[in-house]
Amino acid sequence: MSRYRPPAKPMSAYITPEGEAALKAELHQLWKVERPEVTQQVSDAAALGDRSENAEYIYGKKRLREIDRRVRYLRKRLDVLNVVSELPSDTSKVFFGAWVELYRSDGATVKYRLVGPDEIDPAKHYISIDSVLGRALLGKHLDDEVSIQTPSGMHYYEITGVSYSAQEVT
């Protein structure tokens, strides 16, 4: 059995201004708040003596590695991201940052916002433009029908609203 894994598909490099602010806030929290606290805890644990059986020391070093890994990722990712803050020229079409109201074939109405892969949040109904549904919606107009193939079968949607503000969908 081979250990080879194909490289991951590159993620889109788009982000909303709110998403960029959230990533910068996370980076600041990790680097300026959490890392100094954990470093102090590791230093205090190391001063207690035998490090091989010191759980606080071992856990602290592990947590420092996790923080450093995430900080490295955030710094690299923030360097390549393009912040999309302007509205598209045709706001009747679905593009990045749009709120889209969909009528599903089962009779339910759902509302999603197309965002970058770094901002996905099911609780807020944010879906990635790289997702199957996100790719299918890009460039569509009001009243267009969209069908997507998923492992559970075909799903059909009709676009009933497109907006670039969270307050209302037209």
C-alpha atoms as a PDB file:
ATOM      1  CA  MET A   1       0.000   0.000   0.000  1.00  0.00           C
ATOM      2  CA  SER A   2       1.399   3.353  -1.038  1.00  0.00           C
ATOM      3  CA  ARG A   3       1.621   6.405   1.161  1.00  0.00           C
ATOM      4  CA  TYR A   4       1.292   8.718  -1.828  1.00  0.00           C
ATOM      5  CA  ARG A   5      -1.451  11.280  -1.631  1.00  0.00           C
ATOM      6  CA  PRO A   6      -2.201  13.504  -4.556  1.00  0.00           C
ATOM      7  CA  PRO A   7      -1.731  17.193  -3.823  1.00  0.00           C
ATOM      8  CA  ALA A   8      -4.786  19.033  -2.565  1.00  0.00           C
ATOM      9  CA  LYS A   9      -6.658  21.152  -5.084  1.00  0.00           C
ATOM     10  CA  PRO A  10      -5.653  24.777  -4.737  1.00  0.00           C
ATOM     11  CA  MET A  11      -8.207  26.850  -2.878  1.00  0.00           C
ATOM     12  CA  SER A  12      -9.569  30.067  -4.295  1.00  0.00           C
ATOM     13  CA  ALA A  13      -7.652  33.081  -3.083  1.00  0.00           C
ATOM     14  CA  TYR A  14     -10.662  35.321  -2.488  1.00  0.00           C
ATOM     15  CA  ILE A  15     -11.916  36.628   0.821  1.00  0.00           C
ATOM     16  CA  THR A  16     -14.390  39.233   2.036  1.00  0.00           C
ATOM     17  CA  PRO A  17     -13.163  42.169   4.146  1.00  0.00           C
ATOM     18  CA  GLU A  18     -14.944  40.633   7.169  1.00  0.00           C
ATOM     19  CA  GLY A  19     -13.170  37.322   6.580  1.00  0.00           C
ATOM     20  CA  GLU A  20      -9.791  38.994   6.311  1.00  0.00           C
ATOM     21  CA  ALA A  21     -10.441  40.858   9.561  1.00  0.00           C
ATOM     22  CA  ALA A  22     -11.374  37.575  11.274  1.00  0.00           C
ATOM     23  CA  LEU A  23      -8.179  35.854  10.080  1.00  0.00           C
ATOM     24  CA  LYS A  24      -6.063  38.813  11.192  1.00  0.00           C
ATOM     25  CA  ALA A  25      -7.801  38.813  14.578  1.00  0.00           C
ATOM     26  CA  GLU A  26      -7.116  35.084  14.955  1.00  0.00           C
ATOM     27  CA  LEU A  27      -3.459  35.625  14.034  1.00  0.00           C
ATOM     28  CA  HIS A  28      -3.157  38.448  16.568  1.00  0.00           C
ATOM     29  CA  GLN A  29      -4.868  36.365  19.278  1.00  0.00           C
ATOM     30  CA  LEU A  30      -2.553  33.413  18.681  1.00  0.00           C
ATOM     31  CA  TRP A  31       0.689  35.373  18.356  1.00  0.00           C
ATOM     32  CA  LYS A  32       0.238  38.175  20.870  1.00  0.00           C
ATOM     33  CA  VAL A  33      -2.003  36.576  23.523  1.00  0.00           C
ATOM     34  CA  GLU A  34      -1.985  32.772  23.540  1.00  0.00           C
ATOM     35  CA  ARG A  35       1.628  32.092  22.552  1.00  0.00           C
ATOM     36  CA  PRO A  36       3.167  34.250  25.311  1.00  0.00           C
ATOM     37  CA  GLU A  37       0.858  32.635  27.893  1.00  0.00           C
ATOM     38  CA  VAL A  38       1.731  29.105  26.784  1.00  0.00           C
ATOM     39  CA  THR A  39       5.433  29.979  26.613  1.00  0.00           C
ATOM     40  CA  GLN A  40       5.280  31.178  30.210  1.00  0.00           C
ATOM     41  CA  GLN A  41       3.435  28.010  31.266  1.00  0.00           C
ATOM     42  CA  VAL A  42       6.077  25.832  29.557  1.00  0.00           C
ATOM     43  CA  SER A  43       8.835  27.818  31.236  1.00  0.00           C
ATOM     44  CA  ASP A  44       7.183  27.399  34.654  1.00  0.00           C
ATOM     45  CA  ALA A  45       6.677  23.669  34.067  1.00  0.00           C
ATOM     46  CA  ALA A  46      10.303  23.241  32.975  1.00  0.00           C
ATOM     47  CA  ALA A  47      11.484  24.865  36.185  1.00  0.00           C
ATOM     48  CA  LEU A  48       9.786  22.107  38.188  1.00  0.00           C
ATOM     49  CA  GLY A  49      12.441  19.594  37.214  1.00  0.00           C
ATOM     50  CA  ASP A  50      12.133  16.275  35.358  1.00  0.00           C
ATOM     51  CA  ARG A  51      10.621  17.103  31.961  1.00  0.00           C
ATOM     52  CA  SER A  52      10.168  13.524  30.753  1.00  0.00           C
ATOM     53  CA  GLU A  53       7.236  12.892  33.097  1.00  0.00           C
ATOM     54  CA  ASN A  54       5.966  16.450  33.382  1.00  0.00           C
ATOM     55  CA  ALA A  55       2.526  16.511  31.738  1.00  0.00           C
ATOM     56  CA  GLU A  56       2.226  20.305  31.830  1.00  0.00           C
ATOM     57  CA  TYR A  57       5.559  20.654  30.038  1.00  0.00           C
ATOM     58  CA  ILE A  58       4.735  18.019  27.402  1.00  0.00           C
ATOM     59  CA  TYR A  59       1.264  19.433  26.747  1.00  0.00           C
ATOM     60  CA  GLY A  60       2.610  22.994  26.653  1.00  0.00           C
ATOM     61  CA  LYS A  61       5.238  22.098  24.051  1.00  0.00           C
ATOM     62  CA  LYS A  62       2.574  20.357  21.977  1.00  0.00           C
ATOM     63  CA  ARG A  63       0.307  23.410  22.204  1.00  0.00           C
ATOM     64  CA  LEU A  64       3.197  25.680  21.149  1.00  0.00           C
ATOM     65  CA  ARG A  65       3.726  23.522  18.037  1.00  0.00           C
ATOM     66  CA  GLU A  66      -0.009  23.761  17.223  1.00  0.00           C
ATOM     67  CA  ILE A  67       0.030  27.552  17.634  1.00  0.00           C
ATOM     68  CA  ASP A  68       3.173  27.935  15.535  1.00  0.00           C
ATOM     69  CA  ARG A  69       1.727  25.741  12.780  1.00  0.00           C
ATOM     70  CA  ARG A  70      -1.482  27.777  12.638  1.00  0.00           C
ATOM     71  CA  VAL A  71       0.409  31.091  12.732  1.00  0.00           C
ATOM     72  CA  ARG A  72       2.622  29.942   9.858  1.00  0.00           C
ATOM     73  CA  TYR A  73      -0.456  28.918   7.841  1.00  0.00           C
ATOM     74  CA  LEU A  74      -2.302  32.196   8.531  1.00  0.00           C
ATOM     75  CA  ARG A  75       0.685  34.352   7.570  1.00  0.00           C
ATOM     76  CA  LYS A  76       1.193  32.481   4.297  1.00  0.00           C
ATOM     77  CA  ARG A  77      -2.526  32.468   3.505  1.00  0.00           C
ATOM     78  CA  LEU A  78      -3.013  36.172   4.249  1.00  0.00           C
ATOM     79  CA  ASP A  79      -0.154  36.977   1.844  1.00  0.00           C
ATOM     80  CA  VAL A  80      -1.903  35.305  -1.109  1.00  0.00           C
ATOM     81  CA  LEU A  81      -5.517  36.294  -0.429  1.00  0.00           C
ATOM     82  CA  ASN A  82      -7.298  38.878  -2.575  1.00  0.00           C
ATOM     83  CA  VAL A  83      -9.797  40.953  -0.619  1.00  0.00           C
ATOM     84  CA  VAL A  84     -12.958  41.506  -2.669  1.00  0.00           C
ATOM     85  CA  SER A  85     -14.578  44.665  -1.375  1.00  0.00           C
ATOM     86  CA  GLU A  86     -16.163  46.082  -4.522  1.00  0.00           C
ATOM     87  CA  LEU A  87     -19.517  45.072  -5.942  1.00  0.00           C
ATOM     88  CA  PRO A  88     -19.521  43.439  -9.372  1.00  0.00           C
ATOM     89  CA  SER A  89     -20.627  45.538 -12.336  1.00  0.00           C
ATOM     90  CA  ASP A  90     -23.708  43.330 -12.844  1.00  0.00           C
ATOM     91  CA  THR A  91     -25.351  42.826  -9.447  1.00  0.00           C
ATOM     92  CA  SER A  92     -28.163  40.765 -10.937  1.00  0.00           C
ATOM     93  CA  LYS A  93     -25.728  37.869 -11.431  1.00  0.00           C
ATOM     94  CA  VAL A  94     -24.318  35.602  -8.738  1.00  0.00           C
ATOM     95  CA  PHE A  95     -20.674  36.336  -8.001  1.00  0.00           C
ATOM     96  CA  PHE A  96     -18.354  36.146  -5.006  1.00  0.00           C
ATOM     97  CA  GLY A  97     -19.901  37.655  -1.864  1.00  0.00           C
ATOM     98  CA  ALA A  98     -23.496  37.383  -3.081  1.00  0.00           C
ATOM     99  CA  TRP A  99     -26.383  36.294  -0.907  1.00  0.00           C
ATOM    100  CA  VAL A 100     -28.430  33.816  -2.942  1.00  0.00           C
ATOM    101  CA  GLU A 101     -31.927  32.688  -2.083  1.00  0.00           C
ATOM    102  CA  LEU A 102     -32.768  29.285  -3.526  1.00  0.00           C
ATOM    103  CA  TYR A 103     -35.993  27.368  -3.841  1.00  0.00           C
ATOM    104  CA  ARG A 104     -35.220  23.667  -3.476  1.00  0.00           C
ATOM    105  CA  SER A 105     -37.092  20.935  -5.311  1.00  0.00           C
ATOM    106  CA  ASP A 106     -38.446  19.677  -1.954  1.00  0.00           C
ATOM    107  CA  GLY A 107     -40.275  22.989  -1.443  1.00  0.00           C
ATOM    108  CA  ALA A 108     -37.884  24.573   1.059  1.00  0.00           C
ATOM    109  CA  THR A 109     -36.268  27.956   0.627  1.00  0.00           C
ATOM    110  CA  VAL A 110     -32.638  28.394   1.666  1.00  0.00           C
ATOM    111  CA  LYS A 111     -30.315  31.376   1.668  1.00  0.00           C
ATOM    112  CA  TYR A 112     -26.533  31.143   1.218  1.00  0.00           C
ATOM    113  CA  ARG A 113     -23.637  33.539   0.877  1.00  0.00           C
ATOM    114  CA  LEU A 114     -20.813  32.653  -1.505  1.00  0.00           C
ATOM    115  CA  VAL A 115     -17.501  33.216   0.259  1.00  0.00           C
ATOM    116  CA  GLY A 116     -13.924  31.990   0.037  1.00  0.00           C
ATOM    117  CA  PRO A 117     -12.825  28.646   1.466  1.00  0.00           C
ATOM    118  CA  ASP A 118     -11.360  30.335   4.551  1.00  0.00           C
ATOM    119  CA  GLU A 119     -14.752  31.704   5.611  1.00  0.00           C
ATOM    120  CA  ILE A 120     -17.021  28.657   5.379  1.00  0.00           C
ATOM    121  CA  ASP A 121     -19.511  28.665   8.234  1.00  0.00           C
ATOM    122  CA  PRO A 122     -22.646  26.487   8.028  1.00  0.00           C
ATOM    123  CA  ALA A 123     -24.191  28.278  11.018  1.00  0.00           C
ATOM    124  CA  LYS A 124     -24.108  31.577   9.103  1.00  0.00           C
ATOM    125  CA  HIS A 125     -25.068  29.865   5.801  1.00  0.00           C
ATOM    126  CA  TYR A 126     -21.713  30.734   4.228  1.00  0.00           C
ATOM    127  CA  ILE A 127     -20.677  28.286   1.495  1.00  0.00           C
ATOM    128  CA  SER A 128     -17.462  28.213  -0.495  1.00  0.00           C
ATOM    129  CA  ILE A 129     -17.289  29.274  -4.100  1.00  0.00           C
ATOM    130  CA  ASP A 130     -15.228  26.093  -4.536  1.00  0.00           C
ATOM    131  CA  SER A 131     -18.082  23.847  -3.375  1.00  0.00           C
ATOM    132  CA  VAL A 132     -20.241  21.982  -5.869  1.00  0.00           C
ATOM    133  CA  LEU A 133     -23.214  24.263  -5.236  1.00  0.00           C
ATOM    134  CA  GLY A 134     -21.037  27.374  -5.196  1.00  0.00           C
ATOM    135  CA  ARG A 135     -19.468  26.560  -8.570  1.00  0.00           C
ATOM    136  CA  ALA A 136     -22.908  25.798 -10.027  1.00  0.00           C
ATOM    137  CA  LEU A 137     -24.316  29.152  -8.848  1.00  0.00           C
ATOM    138  CA  LEU A 138     -21.502  31.400 -10.107  1.00  0.00           C
ATOM    139  CA  GLY A 139     -22.572  33.539 -13.030  1.00  0.00           C
ATOM    140  CA  LYS A 140     -26.256  32.598 -12.852  1.00  0.00           C
ATOM    141  CA  HIS A 141     -29.154  35.092 -12.942  1.00  0.00           C
ATOM    142  CA  LEU A 142     -32.379  35.448 -11.024  1.00  0.00           C
ATOM    143  CA  ASP A 143     -34.891  32.682 -11.932  1.00  0.00           C
ATOM    144  CA  ASP A 144     -32.156  30.415 -13.378  1.00  0.00           C
ATOM    145  CA  GLU A 145     -32.373  26.748 -12.479  1.00  0.00           C
ATOM    146  CA  VAL A 146     -29.371  24.905 -11.119  1.00  0.00           C
ATOM    147  CA  SER A 147     -28.894  21.165 -10.795  1.00  0.00           C
ATOM    148  CA  ILE A 148     -26.041  19.487  -8.961  1.00  0.00           C
ATOM    149  CA  GLN A 149     -25.024  15.863  -8.615  1.00  0.00           C
ATOM    150  CA  THR A 150     -24.202  14.740  -5.077  1.00  0.00           C
ATOM    151  CA  PRO A 151     -23.622  11.274  -3.630  1.00  0.00           C
ATOM    152  CA  SER A 152     -27.251  11.274  -2.490  1.00  0.00           C
ATOM    153  CA  GLY A 153     -28.508  12.026  -6.023  1.00  0.00           C
ATOM    154  CA  MET A 154     -29.465  14.995  -8.154  1.00  0.00           C
ATOM    155  CA  HIS A 155     -30.612  18.182  -6.456  1.00  0.00           C
ATOM    156  CA  TYR A 156     -32.475  20.955  -8.234  1.00  0.00           C
ATOM    157  CA  TYR A 157     -32.617  24.613  -7.214  1.00  0.00           C
ATOM    158  CA  GLU A 158     -34.178  27.766  -8.591  1.00  0.00           C
ATOM    159  CA  ILE A 159     -32.576  31.122  -7.835  1.00  0.00           C
ATOM    160  CA  THR A 160     -35.282  33.313  -6.293  1.00  0.00           C
ATOM    161  CA  GLY A 161     -33.080  36.130  -5.030  1.00  0.00           C
ATOM    162  CA  VAL A 162     -29.638  37.685  -5.443  1.00  0.00           C
ATOM    163  CA  SER A 163     -28.273  40.422  -3.200  1.00  0.00           C
ATOM    164  CA  TYR A 164     -24.924  41.796  -2.164  1.00  0.00           C
ATOM    165  CA  SER A 165     -26.137  43.050   1.213  1.00  0.00           C
ATOM    166  CA  ALA A 166     -27.142  40.813   4.092  1.00  0.00           C
ATOM    167  CA  GLN A 167     -30.340  42.704   4.863  1.00  0.00           C
ATOM    168  CA  GLU A 168     -32.482  41.744   1.887  1.00  0.00           C
ATOM    169  CA  VAL A 169     -32.429  39.467  -1.112  1.00  0.00           C
ATOM    170  CA  THR A 170     -34.178  40.666  -4.269  1.00  0.00           C
END
